[in-house]
C-alpha atoms as a PDB file:
ATOM      1  CA  MET A   1     -12.120   2.972  -3.180  1.00  0.00           C
ATOM      2  CA  LEU A   2     -13.326   6.203  -2.223  1.00  0.00           C
ATOM      3  CA  GLN A   3     -17.003   4.981  -1.872  1.00  0.00           C
ATOM      4  CA  SER A   4     -16.548   1.733  -0.188  1.00  0.00           C
ATOM      5  CA  ARG A   5     -14.541   1.486   3.023  1.00  0.00           C
ATOM      6  CA  PRO A   6     -12.753  -1.507   4.431  1.00  0.00           C
ATOM      7  CA  GLY A   7     -13.615  -2.248   8.146  1.00  0.00           C
ATOM      8  CA  LYS A   8     -11.617  -0.557  10.710  1.00  0.00           C
ATOM      9  CA  TYR A   9      -9.938  -3.631  12.054  1.00  0.00           C
ATOM     10  CA  LEU A  10      -8.690  -4.619   8.469  1.00  0.00           C
ATOM     11  CA  LEU A  11      -7.588  -0.937   8.128  1.00  0.00           C
ATOM     12  CA  MET A  12      -5.630  -0.686  11.336  1.00  0.00           C
ATOM     13  CA  ALA A  13      -3.965  -4.193  10.861  1.00  0.00           C
ATOM     14  CA  THR A  14      -2.926  -3.132   7.327  1.00  0.00           C
ATOM     15  CA  LEU A  15      -1.566   0.293   8.390  1.00  0.00           C
ATOM     16  CA  LEU A  16       0.416  -1.490  11.495  1.00  0.00           C
ATOM     17  CA  VAL A  17       2.039  -4.051   8.927  1.00  0.00           C
ATOM     18  CA  VAL A  18       2.991  -1.250   6.752  1.00  0.00           C
ATOM     19  CA  ALA A  19       4.382   0.802   9.801  1.00  0.00           C
ATOM     20  CA  VAL A  20       6.143  -2.173  11.236  1.00  0.00           C
ATOM     21  CA  THR A  21       7.683  -2.984   7.757  1.00  0.00           C
ATOM     22  CA  PHE A  22       8.923   0.635   7.150  1.00  0.00           C
ATOM     23  CA  ILE A  23      10.422   0.868  10.837  1.00  0.00           C
ATOM     24  CA  LEU A  24      11.790  -2.191  11.596  1.00  0.00           C
ATOM     25  CA  PRO A  25      15.017  -2.106   9.449  1.00  0.00           C
ATOM     26  CA  TYR A  26      15.652   1.182  11.528  1.00  0.00           C
ATOM     27  CA  THR A  27      15.652  -0.512  14.724  1.00  0.00           C
ATOM     28  CA  PRO A  28      18.370  -2.355  16.844  1.00  0.00           C
ATOM     29  CA  LEU A  29      16.666  -5.622  15.550  1.00  0.00           C
ATOM     30  CA  ASP A  30      17.912  -4.940  12.030  1.00  0.00           C
ATOM     31  CA  GLN A  31      21.360  -6.558  12.710  1.00  0.00           C
ATOM     32  CA  LEU A  32      19.889  -9.352  14.366  1.00  0.00           C
ATOM     33  CA  LEU A  33      17.459 -10.268  11.544  1.00  0.00           C
ATOM     34  CA  GLY A  34      19.875  -9.426   9.030  1.00  0.00           C
ATOM     35  CA  PHE A  35      17.820  -6.529   7.518  1.00  0.00           C
ATOM     36  CA  SER A  36      19.479  -3.540   5.805  1.00  0.00           C
ATOM     37  CA  LYS A  37      18.197   0.117   5.459  1.00  0.00           C
ATOM     38  CA  LEU A  38      16.634   1.118   2.250  1.00  0.00           C
ATOM     39  CA  PRO A  39      17.534   4.350   0.656  1.00  0.00           C
ATOM     40  CA  VAL A  40      14.967   6.953   0.904  1.00  0.00           C
ATOM     41  CA  SER A  41      14.667   7.224  -3.035  1.00  0.00           C
ATOM     42  CA  PHE A  42      13.879   3.508  -3.058  1.00  0.00           C
ATOM     43  CA  ILE A  43      10.875   4.164  -0.525  1.00  0.00           C
ATOM     44  CA  LEU A  44       9.696   6.995  -2.533  1.00  0.00           C
ATOM     45  CA  ILE A  45       9.640   4.743  -5.630  1.00  0.00           C
ATOM     46  CA  ILE A  46       7.574   2.113  -3.844  1.00  0.00           C
ATOM     47  CA  ILE A  47       4.946   4.753  -2.476  1.00  0.00           C
ATOM     48  CA  ALA A  48       4.935   6.126  -6.172  1.00  0.00           C
ATOM     49  CA  ILE A  49       4.081   2.641  -7.531  1.00  0.00           C
ATOM     50  CA  VAL A  50       1.557   1.964  -4.987  1.00  0.00           C
ATOM     51  CA  ILE A  51      -0.252   5.379  -5.709  1.00  0.00           C
ATOM     52  CA  VAL A  52      -0.170   4.651  -9.371  1.00  0.00           C
ATOM     53  CA  TYR A  53      -1.689   1.169  -8.809  1.00  0.00           C
ATOM     54  CA  ILE A  54      -4.509   2.576  -6.698  1.00  0.00           C
ATOM     55  CA  VAL A  55      -5.237   5.293  -9.306  1.00  0.00           C
ATOM     56  CA  SER A  56      -5.244   2.868 -12.296  1.00  0.00           C
ATOM     57  CA  ALA A  57      -7.406   0.084 -10.442  1.00  0.00           C
ATOM     58  CA  GLU A  58      -9.876   2.803  -9.566  1.00  0.00           C
ATOM     59  CA  PHE A  59      -9.956   3.880 -13.190  1.00  0.00           C
ATOM     60  CA  ALA A  60     -10.322   0.261 -14.324  1.00  0.00           C
ATOM     61  CA  LYS A  61     -13.128  -0.551 -11.897  1.00  0.00           C
ATOM     62  CA  ARG A  62     -15.132   2.535 -13.045  1.00  0.00           C
ATOM     63  CA  VAL A  63     -14.730   1.561 -16.578  1.00  0.00           C
ATOM     64  CA  PHE A  64     -15.582  -2.084 -15.982  1.00  0.00           C
ATOM     65  CA  TYR A  65     -18.735  -0.966 -13.889  1.00  0.00           C
ATOM     66  CA  ARG A  66     -20.042   1.347 -16.612  1.00  0.00           C
ATOM     67  CA  LEU A  67     -19.458  -1.437 -19.161  1.00  0.00           C
ATOM     68  CA  VAL A  68     -21.477  -3.745 -17.144  1.00  0.00           C
ATOM     69  CA  ARG A  69     -24.238  -1.416 -16.400  1.00  0.00           C
ATOM     70  CA  GLN A  70     -24.808  -0.830 -20.179  1.00  0.00           C
ATOM     71  CA  THR A  71     -25.306  -4.446 -20.942  1.00  0.00           C
END
């Protein structure tokens, strides 16, 4: 992940979707769409899970490429 970078439009679109996902329940549209606000602790848990996923995926990728280069 650190060595390869996604295209700028893909990155901008992803960040926009994440921002809208977290902001939408706190707007006046939340009652219209039937959303409810998540507790801050739940949002922090989601962020922690994403960070652990990214770190473990990078670790697995490095191990995989190290094994592939040896064969």
